[in-house]
Amino acid sequence: MREIKFRAWDKKNNRIVRNATPSFFWQKEGTLMQFTGLKDKNGKEIYEGDILKYGNEEEYPKTTFSLVFWCEFRAKFMDKKKFISGGGASGELNSWDNYLDEIKDLDFCEVIGNKFENPELLK
């Protein structure tokens, strides 16, 4: 069973709040992000809103960047190009969405930022 925990983006103070608890405050003053239960290749916890770098030279010659979001009981990630072209994490989910828990080898995933502190990574 996966550990249920959250962090939040405090938009008033422009910072990530670790170990946040779901509350009405975050609905008004920020964004709550849920832990996916997964860790990247460095052991860093993966939360929705994180931006992943995925790839290596041997098996995945092209490095991709993906945004993590939570939908219907599981974490998904979306290729950066599809996010920019209008698929958006809050929009309709299409066949190109990938389930994070179906990635066979998380050794190729690395959290490199999040959509709040590093929006330039999604451009």
PDB file of N, CA and C in Angstrom:
ATOM      1  N   MET A   1       0.838  -1.182   0.000  1.00  0.00           N
ATOM      2  CA  MET A   1       0.000   0.000   0.000  1.00  0.00           C
ATOM      3  C   MET A   1       0.880   1.242   0.000  1.00  0.00           C
ATOM      4  N   ARG A   2       0.513   2.195  -0.824  1.00  0.00           N
ATOM      5  CA  ARG A   2       1.310   3.407  -0.965  1.00  0.00           C
ATOM      6  C   ARG A   2       1.018   4.382   0.165  1.00  0.00           C
ATOM      7  N   GLU A   3       2.055   5.076   0.577  1.00  0.00           N
ATOM      8  CA  GLU A   3       1.923   6.091   1.614  1.00  0.00           C
ATOM      9  C   GLU A   3       1.194   7.304   1.035  1.00  0.00           C
ATOM     10  N   ILE A   4       0.175   7.773   1.720  1.00  0.00           N
ATOM     11  CA  ILE A   4      -0.579   8.947   1.277  1.00  0.00           C
ATOM     12  C   ILE A   4       0.007  10.172   1.969  1.00  0.00           C
ATOM     13  N   LYS A   5       0.580  11.055   1.174  1.00  0.00           N
ATOM     14  CA  LYS A   5       1.103  12.306   1.721  1.00  0.00           C
ATOM     15  C   LYS A   5       1.068  13.365   0.638  1.00  0.00           C
ATOM     16  N   PHE A   6       1.198  14.606   1.070  1.00  0.00           N
ATOM     17  CA  PHE A   6       1.049  15.739   0.173  1.00  0.00           C
ATOM     18  C   PHE A   6       2.135  16.779   0.421  1.00  0.00           C
ATOM     19  N   ARG A   7       2.340  17.589  -0.586  1.00  0.00           N
ATOM     20  CA  ARG A   7       3.077  18.842  -0.452  1.00  0.00           C
ATOM     21  C   ARG A   7       2.184  19.881  -1.117  1.00  0.00           C
ATOM     22  N   ALA A   8       2.499  21.148  -0.939  1.00  0.00           N
ATOM     23  CA  ALA A   8       1.637  22.182  -1.510  1.00  0.00           C
ATOM     24  C   ALA A   8       2.477  23.329  -2.040  1.00  0.00           C
ATOM     25  N   TRP A   9       1.956  23.991  -3.060  1.00  0.00           N
ATOM     26  CA  TRP A   9       2.546  25.219  -3.564  1.00  0.00           C
ATOM     27  C   TRP A   9       1.812  26.361  -2.887  1.00  0.00           C
ATOM     28  N   ASP A  10       2.539  27.146  -2.115  1.00  0.00           N
ATOM     29  CA  ASP A  10       1.998  28.319  -1.430  1.00  0.00           C
ATOM     30  C   ASP A  10       2.179  29.500  -2.372  1.00  0.00           C
ATOM     31  N   LYS A  11       1.108  29.876  -3.077  1.00  0.00           N
ATOM     32  CA  LYS A  11       1.251  30.925  -4.089  1.00  0.00           C
ATOM     33  C   LYS A  11       1.454  32.307  -3.477  1.00  0.00           C
ATOM     34  N   LYS A  12       1.039  32.500  -2.247  1.00  0.00           N
ATOM     35  CA  LYS A  12       1.248  33.789  -1.586  1.00  0.00           C
ATOM     36  C   LYS A  12       2.731  34.040  -1.315  1.00  0.00           C
ATOM     37  N   ASN A  13       3.439  32.975  -0.895  1.00  0.00           N
ATOM     38  CA  ASN A  13       4.859  33.100  -0.554  1.00  0.00           C
ATOM     39  C   ASN A  13       5.791  32.485  -1.595  1.00  0.00           C
ATOM     40  N   ASN A  14       5.215  31.996  -2.704  1.00  0.00           N
ATOM     41  CA  ASN A  14       6.003  31.393  -3.785  1.00  0.00           C
ATOM     42  C   ASN A  14       6.994  30.351  -3.287  1.00  0.00           C
ATOM     43  N   ARG A  15       6.442  29.343  -2.605  1.00  0.00           N
ATOM     44  CA  ARG A  15       7.317  28.286  -2.087  1.00  0.00           C
ATOM     45  C   ARG A  15       6.553  26.980  -1.959  1.00  0.00           C
ATOM     46  N   ILE A  16       7.317  25.885  -1.940  1.00  0.00           N
ATOM     47  CA  ILE A  16       6.770  24.550  -1.716  1.00  0.00           C
ATOM     48  C   ILE A  16       6.706  24.311  -0.206  1.00  0.00           C
ATOM     49  N   VAL A  17       5.580  23.805   0.254  1.00  0.00           N
ATOM     50  CA  VAL A  17       5.411  23.443   1.658  1.00  0.00           C
ATOM     51  C   VAL A  17       5.395  21.920   1.721  1.00  0.00           C
ATOM     52  N   ARG A  18       6.348  21.333   2.393  1.00  0.00           N
ATOM     53  CA  ARG A  18       6.439  19.884   2.525  1.00  0.00           C
ATOM     54  C   ARG A  18       5.488  19.415   3.625  1.00  0.00           C
ATOM     55  N   ASN A  19       5.073  18.166   3.554  1.00  0.00           N
ATOM     56  CA  ASN A  19       4.191  17.562   4.555  1.00  0.00           C
ATOM     57  C   ASN A  19       2.923  18.383   4.786  1.00  0.00           C
ATOM     58  N   ALA A  20       2.337  18.852   3.714  1.00  0.00           N
ATOM     59  CA  ALA A  20       1.094  19.619   3.806  1.00  0.00           C
ATOM     60  C   ALA A  20      -0.073  18.676   4.088  1.00  0.00           C
ATOM     61  N   THR A  21      -1.083  19.201   4.721  1.00  0.00           N
ATOM     62  CA  THR A  21      -2.296  18.417   4.958  1.00  0.00           C
ATOM     63  C   THR A  21      -3.414  19.004   4.119  1.00  0.00           C
ATOM     64  N   PRO A  22      -4.270  18.153   3.563  1.00  0.00           N
ATOM     65  CA  PRO A  22      -5.385  18.670   2.769  1.00  0.00           C
ATOM     66  C   PRO A  22      -6.263  19.575   3.632  1.00  0.00           C
ATOM     67  N   SER A  23      -6.545  20.752   3.132  1.00  0.00           N
ATOM     68  CA  SER A  23      -7.389  21.685   3.875  1.00  0.00           C
ATOM     69  C   SER A  23      -7.976  22.708   2.912  1.00  0.00           C
ATOM     70  N   PHE A  24      -8.946  23.420   3.404  1.00  0.00           N
ATOM     71  CA  PHE A  24      -9.584  24.469   2.622  1.00  0.00           C
ATOM     72  C   PHE A  24      -8.575  25.558   2.243  1.00  0.00           C
ATOM     73  N   PHE A  25      -7.576  25.778   3.124  1.00  0.00           N
ATOM     74  CA  PHE A  25      -6.562  26.810   2.864  1.00  0.00           C
ATOM     75  C   PHE A  25      -5.907  26.620   1.510  1.00  0.00           C
ATOM     76  N   TRP A  26      -5.545  25.381   1.177  1.00  0.00           N
ATOM     77  CA  TRP A  26      -4.830  25.132  -0.080  1.00  0.00           C
ATOM     78  C   TRP A  26      -5.726  25.337  -1.285  1.00  0.00           C
ATOM     79  N   GLN A  27      -7.033  25.178  -1.121  1.00  0.00           N
ATOM     80  CA  GLN A  27      -7.942  25.444  -2.228  1.00  0.00           C
ATOM     81  C   GLN A  27      -7.951  26.919  -2.586  1.00  0.00           C
ATOM     82  N   LYS A  28      -7.702  27.780  -1.608  1.00  0.00           N
ATOM     83  CA  LYS A  28      -7.724  29.222  -1.833  1.00  0.00           C
ATOM     84  C   LYS A  28      -6.333  29.814  -2.048  1.00  0.00           C
ATOM     85  N   GLU A  29      -5.356  29.308  -1.329  1.00  0.00           N
ATOM     86  CA  GLU A  29      -4.043  29.941  -1.286  1.00  0.00           C
ATOM     87  C   GLU A  29      -2.938  29.170  -1.986  1.00  0.00           C
ATOM     88  N   GLY A  30      -3.269  28.084  -2.667  1.00  0.00           N
ATOM     89  CA  GLY A  30      -2.205  27.327  -3.306  1.00  0.00           C
ATOM     90  C   GLY A  30      -2.725  26.103  -4.022  1.00  0.00           C
ATOM     91  N   THR A  31      -1.825  25.171  -4.223  1.00  0.00           N
ATOM     92  CA  THR A  31      -2.142  23.938  -4.925  1.00  0.00           C
ATOM     93  C   THR A  31      -1.574  22.761  -4.143  1.00  0.00           C
ATOM     94  N   LEU A  32      -2.430  21.801  -3.846  1.00  0.00           N
ATOM     95  CA  LEU A  32      -2.018  20.596  -3.151  1.00  0.00           C
ATOM     96  C   LEU A  32      -1.553  19.566  -4.171  1.00  0.00           C
ATOM     97  N   MET A  33      -0.447  18.884  -3.881  1.00  0.00           N
ATOM     98  CA  MET A  33       0.108  17.878  -4.790  1.00  0.00           C
ATOM     99  C   MET A  33       0.301  16.574  -4.025  1.00  0.00           C
ATOM    100  N   GLN A  34      -0.182  15.477  -4.594  1.00  0.00           N
ATOM    101  CA  GLN A  34      -0.133  14.190  -3.928  1.00  0.00           C
ATOM    102  C   GLN A  34       1.112  13.394  -4.325  1.00  0.00           C
ATOM    103  N   PHE A  35       1.659  12.664  -3.369  1.00  0.00           N
ATOM    104  CA  PHE A  35       2.786  11.763  -3.589  1.00  0.00           C
ATOM    105  C   PHE A  35       2.304  10.581  -4.416  1.00  0.00           C
ATOM    106  N   THR A  36       3.051  10.191  -5.438  1.00  0.00           N
ATOM    107  CA  THR A  36       2.651   9.088  -6.314  1.00  0.00           C
ATOM    108  C   THR A  36       2.953   7.718  -5.725  1.00  0.00           C
ATOM    109  N   GLY A  37       3.801   7.681  -4.708  1.00  0.00           N
ATOM    110  CA  GLY A  37       4.234   6.397  -4.158  1.00  0.00           C
ATOM    111  C   GLY A  37       5.485   5.882  -4.859  1.00  0.00           C
ATOM    112  N   LEU A  38       5.980   6.643  -5.818  1.00  0.00           N
ATOM    113  CA  LEU A  38       7.154   6.249  -6.604  1.00  0.00           C
ATOM    114  C   LEU A  38       8.336   7.156  -6.304  1.00  0.00           C
ATOM    115  N   LYS A  39       9.522   6.639  -6.598  1.00  0.00           N
ATOM    116  CA  LYS A  39      10.753   7.421  -6.437  1.00  0.00           C
ATOM    117  C   LYS A  39      11.543   7.363  -7.731  1.00  0.00           C
ATOM    118  N   ASP A  40      12.296   8.427  -7.990  1.00  0.00           N
ATOM    119  CA  ASP A  40      13.110   8.460  -9.207  1.00  0.00           C
ATOM    120  C   ASP A  40      14.402   7.669  -9.006  1.00  0.00           C
ATOM    121  N   LYS A  41      15.286   7.725  -9.990  1.00  0.00           N
ATOM    122  CA  LYS A  41      16.531   6.941  -9.949  1.00  0.00           C
ATOM    123  C   LYS A  41      17.448   7.328  -8.797  1.00  0.00           C
ATOM    124  N   ASN A  42      17.249   8.518  -8.238  1.00  0.00           N
ATOM    125  CA  ASN A  42      18.064   8.983  -7.123  1.00  0.00           C
ATOM    126  C   ASN A  42      17.372   8.776  -5.775  1.00  0.00           C
ATOM    127  N   GLY A  43      16.212   8.130  -5.789  1.00  0.00           N
ATOM    128  CA  GLY A  43      15.474   7.905  -4.552  1.00  0.00           C
ATOM    129  C   GLY A  43      14.606   9.080  -4.137  1.00  0.00           C
ATOM    130  N   LYS A  44      14.479  10.093  -5.004  1.00  0.00           N
ATOM    131  CA  LYS A  44      13.658  11.265  -4.693  1.00  0.00           C
ATOM    132  C   LYS A  44      12.186  10.941  -4.949  1.00  0.00           C
ATOM    133  N   GLU A  45      11.319  11.310  -4.008  1.00  0.00           N
ATOM    134  CA  GLU A  45       9.893  11.058  -4.143  1.00  0.00           C
ATOM    135  C   GLU A  45       9.313  11.836  -5.319  1.00  0.00           C
ATOM    136  N   ILE A  46       8.405  11.192  -6.046  1.00  0.00           N
ATOM    137  CA  ILE A  46       7.764  11.816  -7.207  1.00  0.00           C
ATOM    138  C   ILE A  46       6.354  12.248  -6.807  1.00  0.00           C
ATOM    139  N   TYR A  47       6.079  13.553  -6.954  1.00  0.00           N
ATOM    140  CA  TYR A  47       4.769  14.135  -6.653  1.00  0.00           C
ATOM    141  C   TYR A  47       4.128  14.631  -7.943  1.00  0.00           C
ATOM    142  N   GLU A  48       2.799  14.751  -7.918  1.00  0.00           N
ATOM    143  CA  GLU A  48       2.162  15.383  -9.060  1.00  0.00           C
ATOM    144  C   GLU A  48       2.692  16.815  -9.135  1.00  0.00           C
ATOM    145  N   GLY A  49       2.797  17.323 -10.347  1.00  0.00           N
ATOM    146  CA  GLY A  49       3.378  18.645 -10.560  1.00  0.00           C
ATOM    147  C   GLY A  49       4.876  18.611 -10.810  1.00  0.00           C
ATOM    148  N   ASP A  50       5.514  17.470 -10.542  1.00  0.00           N
ATOM    149  CA  ASP A  50       6.946  17.347 -10.806  1.00  0.00           C
ATOM    150  C   ASP A  50       7.201  17.242 -12.302  1.00  0.00           C
ATOM    151  N   ILE A  51       8.390  17.637 -12.690  1.00  0.00           N
ATOM    152  CA  ILE A  51       8.834  17.491 -14.069  1.00  0.00           C
ATOM    153  C   ILE A  51       9.943  16.450 -14.063  1.00  0.00           C
ATOM    154  N   LEU A  52       9.748  15.415 -14.891  1.00  0.00           N
ATOM    155  CA  LEU A  52      10.709  14.325 -14.972  1.00  0.00           C
ATOM    156  C   LEU A  52      11.540  14.426 -16.234  1.00  0.00           C
ATOM    157  N   LYS A  53      12.798  14.080 -16.092  1.00  0.00           N
ATOM    158  CA  LYS A  53      13.673  13.866 -17.234  1.00  0.00           C
ATOM    159  C   LYS A  53      13.723  12.359 -17.399  1.00  0.00           C
ATOM    160  N   TYR A  54      13.455  11.879 -18.598  1.00  0.00           N
ATOM    161  CA  TYR A  54      13.373  10.445 -18.814  1.00  0.00           C
ATOM    162  C   TYR A  54      14.234  10.064 -20.000  1.00  0.00           C
ATOM    163  N   GLY A  55      15.163   9.149 -19.791  1.00  0.00           N
ATOM    164  CA  GLY A  55      15.973   8.659 -20.893  1.00  0.00           C
ATOM    165  C   GLY A  55      17.403   8.383 -20.489  1.00  0.00           C
ATOM    166  N   ASN A  56      18.069   7.600 -21.321  1.00  0.00           N
ATOM    167  CA  ASN A  56      19.503   7.379 -21.202  1.00  0.00           C
ATOM    168  C   ASN A  56      20.032   7.073 -22.597  1.00  0.00           C
ATOM    169  N   GLU A  57      21.317   7.069 -22.752  1.00  0.00           N
ATOM    170  CA  GLU A  57      21.901   6.912 -24.085  1.00  0.00           C
ATOM    171  C   GLU A  57      21.706   5.530 -24.679  1.00  0.00           C
ATOM    172  N   GLU A  58      21.660   4.498 -23.866  1.00  0.00           N
ATOM    173  CA  GLU A  58      21.577   3.135 -24.392  1.00  0.00           C
ATOM    174  C   GLU A  58      20.162   2.750 -24.828  1.00  0.00           C
ATOM    175  N   GLU A  59      19.203   2.810 -23.901  1.00  0.00           N
ATOM    176  CA  GLU A  59      17.859   2.335 -24.220  1.00  0.00           C
ATOM    177  C   GLU A  59      16.934   3.430 -24.716  1.00  0.00           C
ATOM    178  N   TYR A  60      17.153   4.640 -24.272  1.00  0.00           N
ATOM    179  CA  TYR A  60      16.296   5.759 -24.668  1.00  0.00           C
ATOM    180  C   TYR A  60      17.179   6.889 -25.179  1.00  0.00           C
ATOM    181  N   PRO A  61      17.607   6.814 -26.439  1.00  0.00           N
ATOM    182  CA  PRO A  61      18.572   7.784 -26.937  1.00  0.00           C
ATOM    183  C   PRO A  61      18.058   9.222 -26.920  1.00  0.00           C
ATOM    184  N   LYS A  62      16.743   9.402 -26.955  1.00  0.00           N
ATOM    185  CA  LYS A  62      16.193  10.754 -26.914  1.00  0.00           C
ATOM    186  C   LYS A  62      15.648  11.040 -25.519  1.00  0.00           C
ATOM    187  N   THR A  63      16.204  12.026 -24.856  1.00  0.00           N
ATOM    188  CA  THR A  63      15.734  12.414 -23.542  1.00  0.00           C
ATOM    189  C   THR A  63      14.421  13.168 -23.695  1.00  0.00           C
ATOM    190  N   THR A  64      13.439  12.831 -22.866  1.00  0.00           N
ATOM    191  CA  THR A  64      12.168  13.550 -22.873  1.00  0.00           C
ATOM    192  C   THR A  64      11.920  14.150 -21.501  1.00  0.00           C
ATOM    193  N   PHE A  65      11.086  15.166 -21.471  1.00  0.00           N
ATOM    194  CA  PHE A  65      10.688  15.808 -20.231  1.00  0.00           C
ATOM    195  C   PHE A  65       9.184  15.648 -20.095  1.00  0.00           C
ATOM    196  N   SER A  66       8.738  15.256 -18.930  1.00  0.00           N
ATOM    197  CA  SER A  66       7.329  14.968 -18.723  1.00  0.00           C
ATOM    198  C   SER A  66       6.829  15.615 -17.448  1.00  0.00           C
ATOM    199  N   LEU A  67       5.545  15.954 -17.439  1.00  0.00           N
ATOM    200  CA  LEU A  67       4.883  16.518 -16.273  1.00  0.00           C
ATOM    201  C   LEU A  67       4.070  15.418 -15.607  1.00  0.00           C
ATOM    202  N   VAL A  68       4.179  15.306 -14.288  1.00  0.00           N
ATOM    203  CA  VAL A  68       3.450  14.301 -13.529  1.00  0.00           C
ATOM    204  C   VAL A  68       2.128  14.890 -13.056  1.00  0.00           C
ATOM    205  N   PHE A  69       1.049  14.128 -13.196  1.00  0.00           N
ATOM    206  CA  PHE A  69      -0.235  14.554 -12.640  1.00  0.00           C
ATOM    207  C   PHE A  69      -0.991  13.348 -12.124  1.00  0.00           C
ATOM    208  N   TRP A  70      -1.960  13.611 -11.292  1.00  0.00           N
ATOM    209  CA  TRP A  70      -2.718  12.552 -10.638  1.00  0.00           C
ATOM    210  C   TRP A  70      -4.092  12.482 -11.263  1.00  0.00           C
ATOM    211  N   CYS A  71      -4.528  11.280 -11.586  1.00  0.00           N
ATOM    212  CA  CYS A  71      -5.825  11.128 -12.217  1.00  0.00           C
ATOM    213  C   CYS A  71      -6.391   9.754 -11.909  1.00  0.00           C
ATOM    214  N   GLU A  72      -7.590   9.724 -11.401  1.00  0.00           N
ATOM    215  CA  GLU A  72      -8.300   8.463 -11.199  1.00  0.00           C
ATOM    216  C   GLU A  72      -7.461   7.379 -10.539  1.00  0.00           C
ATOM    217  N   PHE A  73      -6.983   7.628  -9.377  1.00  0.00           N
ATOM    218  CA  PHE A  73      -6.298   6.631  -8.562  1.00  0.00           C
ATOM    219  C   PHE A  73      -4.876   6.292  -8.988  1.00  0.00           C
ATOM    220  N   ARG A  74      -4.301   6.972  -9.930  1.00  0.00           N
ATOM    221  CA  ARG A  74      -2.923   6.662 -10.288  1.00  0.00           C
ATOM    222  C   ARG A  74      -2.234   7.887 -10.865  1.00  0.00           C
ATOM    223  N   ALA A  75      -0.917   7.840 -10.803  1.00  0.00           N
ATOM    224  CA  ALA A  75      -0.129   8.928 -11.352  1.00  0.00           C
ATOM    225  C   ALA A  75       0.100   8.681 -12.830  1.00  0.00           C
ATOM    226  N   LYS A  76       0.122   9.758 -13.592  1.00  0.00           N
ATOM    227  CA  LYS A  76       0.421   9.678 -15.018  1.00  0.00           C
ATOM    228  C   LYS A  76       1.467  10.729 -15.331  1.00  0.00           C
ATOM    229  N   PHE A  77       2.110  10.560 -16.462  1.00  0.00           N
ATOM    230  CA  PHE A  77       2.988  11.624 -16.907  1.00  0.00           C
ATOM    231  C   PHE A  77       2.663  11.929 -18.352  1.00  0.00           C
ATOM    232  N   MET A  78       2.951  13.161 -18.724  1.00  0.00           N
ATOM    233  CA  MET A  78       2.623  13.637 -20.052  1.00  0.00           C
ATOM    234  C   MET A  78       3.868  14.224 -20.691  1.00  0.00           C
ATOM    235  N   ASP A  79       4.136  13.828 -21.914  1.00  0.00           N
ATOM    236  CA  ASP A  79       5.262  14.381 -22.655  1.00  0.00           C
ATOM    237  C   ASP A  79       5.104  15.888 -22.754  1.00  0.00           C
ATOM    238  N   LYS A  80       6.205  16.594 -22.589  1.00  0.00           N
ATOM    239  CA  LYS A  80       6.203  18.051 -22.603  1.00  0.00           C
ATOM    240  C   LYS A  80       5.544  18.619 -23.860  1.00  0.00           C
ATOM    241  N   LYS A  81       5.805  18.057 -25.021  1.00  0.00           N
ATOM    242  CA  LYS A  81       5.241  18.579 -26.266  1.00  0.00           C
ATOM    243  C   LYS A  81       3.725  18.483 -26.268  1.00  0.00           C
ATOM    244  N   LYS A  82       3.188  17.414 -25.717  1.00  0.00           N
ATOM    245  CA  LYS A  82       1.740  17.252 -25.682  1.00  0.00           C
ATOM    246  C   LYS A  82       1.118  18.196 -24.670  1.00  0.00           C
ATOM    247  N   PHE A  83       1.823  18.475 -23.572  1.00  0.00           N
ATOM    248  CA  PHE A  83       1.332  19.415 -22.574  1.00  0.00           C
ATOM    249  C   PHE A  83       1.214  20.803 -23.198  1.00  0.00           C
ATOM    250  N   ILE A  84       2.238  21.201 -23.924  1.00  0.00           N
ATOM    251  CA  ILE A  84       2.262  22.525 -24.541  1.00  0.00           C
ATOM    252  C   ILE A  84       1.223  22.641 -25.653  1.00  0.00           C
ATOM    253  N   SER A  85       0.990  21.566 -26.390  1.00  0.00           N
ATOM    254  CA  SER A  85       0.084  21.637 -27.530  1.00  0.00           C
ATOM    255  C   SER A  85      -1.392  21.610 -27.143  1.00  0.00           C
ATOM    256  N   GLY A  86      -1.678  21.629 -25.865  1.00  0.00           N
ATOM    257  CA  GLY A  86      -3.069  21.750 -25.454  1.00  0.00           C
ATOM    258  C   GLY A  86      -3.638  20.569 -24.725  1.00  0.00           C
ATOM    259  N   GLY A  87      -2.865  19.500 -24.573  1.00  0.00           N
ATOM    260  CA  GLY A  87      -3.366  18.349 -23.825  1.00  0.00           C
ATOM    261  C   GLY A  87      -3.525  18.675 -22.362  1.00  0.00           C
ATOM    262  N   GLY A  88      -2.641  19.491 -21.833  1.00  0.00           N
ATOM    263  CA  GLY A  88      -2.702  19.977 -20.464  1.00  0.00           C
ATOM    264  C   GLY A  88      -3.087  18.961 -19.418  1.00  0.00           C
ATOM    265  N   ALA A  89      -2.460  19.013 -18.285  1.00  0.00           N
ATOM    266  CA  ALA A  89      -2.716  18.044 -17.221  1.00  0.00           C
ATOM    267  C   ALA A  89      -4.134  18.134 -16.683  1.00  0.00           C
ATOM    268  N   SER A  90      -4.786  19.249 -16.860  1.00  0.00           N
ATOM    269  CA  SER A  90      -6.145  19.363 -16.339  1.00  0.00           C
ATOM    270  C   SER A  90      -7.183  19.052 -17.400  1.00  0.00           C
ATOM    271  N   GLY A  91      -6.753  18.783 -18.623  1.00  0.00           N
ATOM    272  CA  GLY A  91      -7.678  18.527 -19.715  1.00  0.00           C
ATOM    273  C   GLY A  91      -8.076  17.072 -19.824  1.00  0.00           C
ATOM    274  N   GLU A  92      -8.694  16.739 -20.916  1.00  0.00           N
ATOM    275  CA  GLU A  92      -9.118  15.365 -21.172  1.00  0.00           C
ATOM    276  C   GLU A  92      -7.907  14.440 -21.271  1.00  0.00           C
ATOM    277  N   LEU A  93      -8.059  13.235 -20.777  1.00  0.00           N
ATOM    278  CA  LEU A  93      -6.987  12.256 -20.865  1.00  0.00           C
ATOM    279  C   LEU A  93      -7.165  11.447 -22.135  1.00  0.00           C
ATOM    280  N   ASN A  94      -6.133  11.354 -22.906  1.00  0.00           N
ATOM    281  CA  ASN A  94      -6.184  10.666 -24.189  1.00  0.00           C
ATOM    282  C   ASN A  94      -5.304   9.432 -24.171  1.00  0.00           C
ATOM    283  N   SER A  95      -5.273   8.720 -25.280  1.00  0.00           N
ATOM    284  CA  SER A  95      -4.526   7.467 -25.356  1.00  0.00           C
ATOM    285  C   SER A  95      -3.027   7.662 -25.190  1.00  0.00           C
ATOM    286  N   TRP A  96      -2.506   8.873 -25.383  1.00  0.00           N
ATOM    287  CA  TRP A  96      -1.073   9.072 -25.254  1.00  0.00           C
ATOM    288  C   TRP A  96      -0.618   9.259 -23.814  1.00  0.00           C
ATOM    289  N   ASP A  97      -1.555   9.325 -22.875  1.00  0.00           N
ATOM    290  CA  ASP A  97      -1.167   9.422 -21.470  1.00  0.00           C
ATOM    291  C   ASP A  97      -0.486   8.132 -21.052  1.00  0.00           C
ATOM    292  N   ASN A  98       0.507   8.238 -20.240  1.00  0.00           N
ATOM    293  CA  ASN A  98       1.235   7.060 -19.763  1.00  0.00           C
ATOM    294  C   ASN A  98       1.077   6.943 -18.256  1.00  0.00           C
ATOM    295  N   TYR A  99       0.945   5.729 -17.771  1.00  0.00           N
ATOM    296  CA  TYR A  99       0.862   5.502 -16.344  1.00  0.00           C
ATOM    297  C   TYR A  99       2.251   5.376 -15.762  1.00  0.00           C
ATOM    298  N   LEU A 100       2.545   6.183 -14.749  1.00  0.00           N
ATOM    299  CA  LEU A 100       3.862   6.094 -14.120  1.00  0.00           C
ATOM    300  C   LEU A 100       4.110   4.719 -13.522  1.00  0.00           C
ATOM    301  N   ASP A 101       3.081   4.113 -12.946  1.00  0.00           N
ATOM    302  CA  ASP A 101       3.337   2.830 -12.297  1.00  0.00           C
ATOM    303  C   ASP A 101       3.493   1.702 -13.302  1.00  0.00           C
ATOM    304  N   GLU A 102       3.377   1.988 -14.586  1.00  0.00           N
ATOM    305  CA  GLU A 102       3.640   0.982 -15.601  1.00  0.00           C
ATOM    306  C   GLU A 102       5.029   1.130 -16.214  1.00  0.00           C
ATOM    307  N   ILE A 103       5.775   2.133 -15.807  1.00  0.00           N
ATOM    308  CA  ILE A 103       7.154   2.257 -16.275  1.00  0.00           C
ATOM    309  C   ILE A 103       7.928   1.095 -15.674  1.00  0.00           C
ATOM    310  N   LYS A 104       8.493   0.291 -16.526  1.00  0.00           N
ATOM    311  CA  LYS A 104       9.153  -0.916 -16.039  1.00  0.00           C
ATOM    312  C   LYS A 104      10.435  -0.625 -15.275  1.00  0.00           C
ATOM    313  N   ASP A 105      11.085   0.470 -15.601  1.00  0.00           N
ATOM    314  CA  ASP A 105      12.360   0.744 -14.963  1.00  0.00           C
ATOM    315  C   ASP A 105      12.473   2.221 -14.630  1.00  0.00           C
ATOM    316  N   LEU A 106      12.233   2.566 -13.379  1.00  0.00           N
ATOM    317  CA  LEU A 106      12.334   3.957 -12.945  1.00  0.00           C
ATOM    318  C   LEU A 106      13.787   4.422 -12.860  1.00  0.00           C
ATOM    319  N   ASP A 107      14.731   3.539 -13.187  1.00  0.00           N
ATOM    320  CA  ASP A 107      16.141   3.923 -13.183  1.00  0.00           C
ATOM    321  C   ASP A 107      16.445   4.981 -14.234  1.00  0.00           C
ATOM    322  N   PHE A 108      15.519   5.222 -15.150  1.00  0.00           N
ATOM    323  CA  PHE A 108      15.748   6.211 -16.204  1.00  0.00           C
ATOM    324  C   PHE A 108      15.008   7.518 -15.937  1.00  0.00           C
ATOM    325  N   CYS A 109      14.275   7.609 -14.823  1.00  0.00           N
ATOM    326  CA  CYS A 109      13.514   8.820 -14.484  1.00  0.00           C
ATOM    327  C   CYS A 109      14.258   9.627 -13.425  1.00  0.00           C
ATOM    328  N   GLU A 110      14.249  10.934 -13.614  1.00  0.00           N
ATOM    329  CA  GLU A 110      14.852  11.823 -12.623  1.00  0.00           C
ATOM    330  C   GLU A 110      13.977  13.059 -12.470  1.00  0.00           C
ATOM    331  N   VAL A 111      13.622  13.395 -11.225  1.00  0.00           N
ATOM    332  CA  VAL A 111      12.885  14.628 -10.952  1.00  0.00           C
ATOM    333  C   VAL A 111      13.862  15.782 -11.126  1.00  0.00           C
ATOM    334  N   ILE A 112      13.534  16.706 -12.036  1.00  0.00           N
ATOM    335  CA  ILE A 112      14.432  17.840 -12.283  1.00  0.00           C
ATOM    336  C   ILE A 112      13.814  19.167 -11.869  1.00  0.00           C
ATOM    337  N   GLY A 113      12.600  19.132 -11.363  1.00  0.00           N
ATOM    338  CA  GLY A 113      11.945  20.351 -10.920  1.00  0.00           C
ATOM    339  C   GLY A 113      10.454  20.123 -10.801  1.00  0.00           C
ATOM    340  N   ASN A 114       9.718  21.232 -10.728  1.00  0.00           N
ATOM    341  CA  ASN A 114       8.263  21.149 -10.699  1.00  0.00           C
ATOM    342  C   ASN A 114       7.685  22.333 -11.464  1.00  0.00           C
ATOM    343  N   LYS A 115       6.403  22.234 -11.797  1.00  0.00           N
ATOM    344  CA  LYS A 115       5.783  23.228 -12.674  1.00  0.00           C
ATOM    345  C   LYS A 115       5.655  24.605 -12.033  1.00  0.00           C
ATOM    346  N   PHE A 116       5.792  24.714 -10.723  1.00  0.00           N
ATOM    347  CA  PHE A 116       5.669  25.997 -10.048  1.00  0.00           C
ATOM    348  C   PHE A 116       7.004  26.724  -9.934  1.00  0.00           C
ATOM    349  N   GLU A 117       8.025  26.009  -9.507  1.00  0.00           N
ATOM    350  CA  GLU A 117       9.351  26.621  -9.329  1.00  0.00           C
ATOM    351  C   GLU A 117      10.166  26.643 -10.612  1.00  0.00           C
ATOM    352  N   ASN A 118       9.829  25.778 -11.581  1.00  0.00           N
ATOM    353  CA  ASN A 118      10.611  25.655 -12.802  1.00  0.00           C
ATOM    354  C   ASN A 118       9.727  25.649 -14.048  1.00  0.00           C
ATOM    355  N   PRO A 119       8.830  26.611 -14.234  1.00  0.00           N
ATOM    356  CA  PRO A 119       7.927  26.592 -15.386  1.00  0.00           C
ATOM    357  C   PRO A 119       8.662  26.654 -16.722  1.00  0.00           C
ATOM    358  N   GLU A 120       9.872  27.175 -16.719  1.00  0.00           N
ATOM    359  CA  GLU A 120      10.658  27.268 -17.960  1.00  0.00           C
ATOM    360  C   GLU A 120      10.967  25.893 -18.541  1.00  0.00           C
ATOM    361  N   LEU A 121      10.954  24.856 -17.717  1.00  0.00           N
ATOM    362  CA  LEU A 121      11.220  23.501 -18.221  1.00  0.00           C
ATOM    363  C   LEU A 121      10.081  22.968 -19.087  1.00  0.00           C
ATOM    364  N   LEU A 122       8.922  23.594 -19.023  1.00  0.00           N
ATOM    365  CA  LEU A 122       7.773  23.164 -19.830  1.00  0.00           C
ATOM    366  C   LEU A 122       7.624  23.981 -21.105  1.00  0.00           C
ATOM    367  N   LYS A 123       8.517  24.903 -21.339  1.00  0.00           N
ATOM    368  CA  LYS A 123       8.437  25.747 -22.549  1.00  0.00           C
ATOM    369  C   LYS A 123       9.072  25.050 -23.722  1.00  0.00           C
TER     370      LYS A 123
END
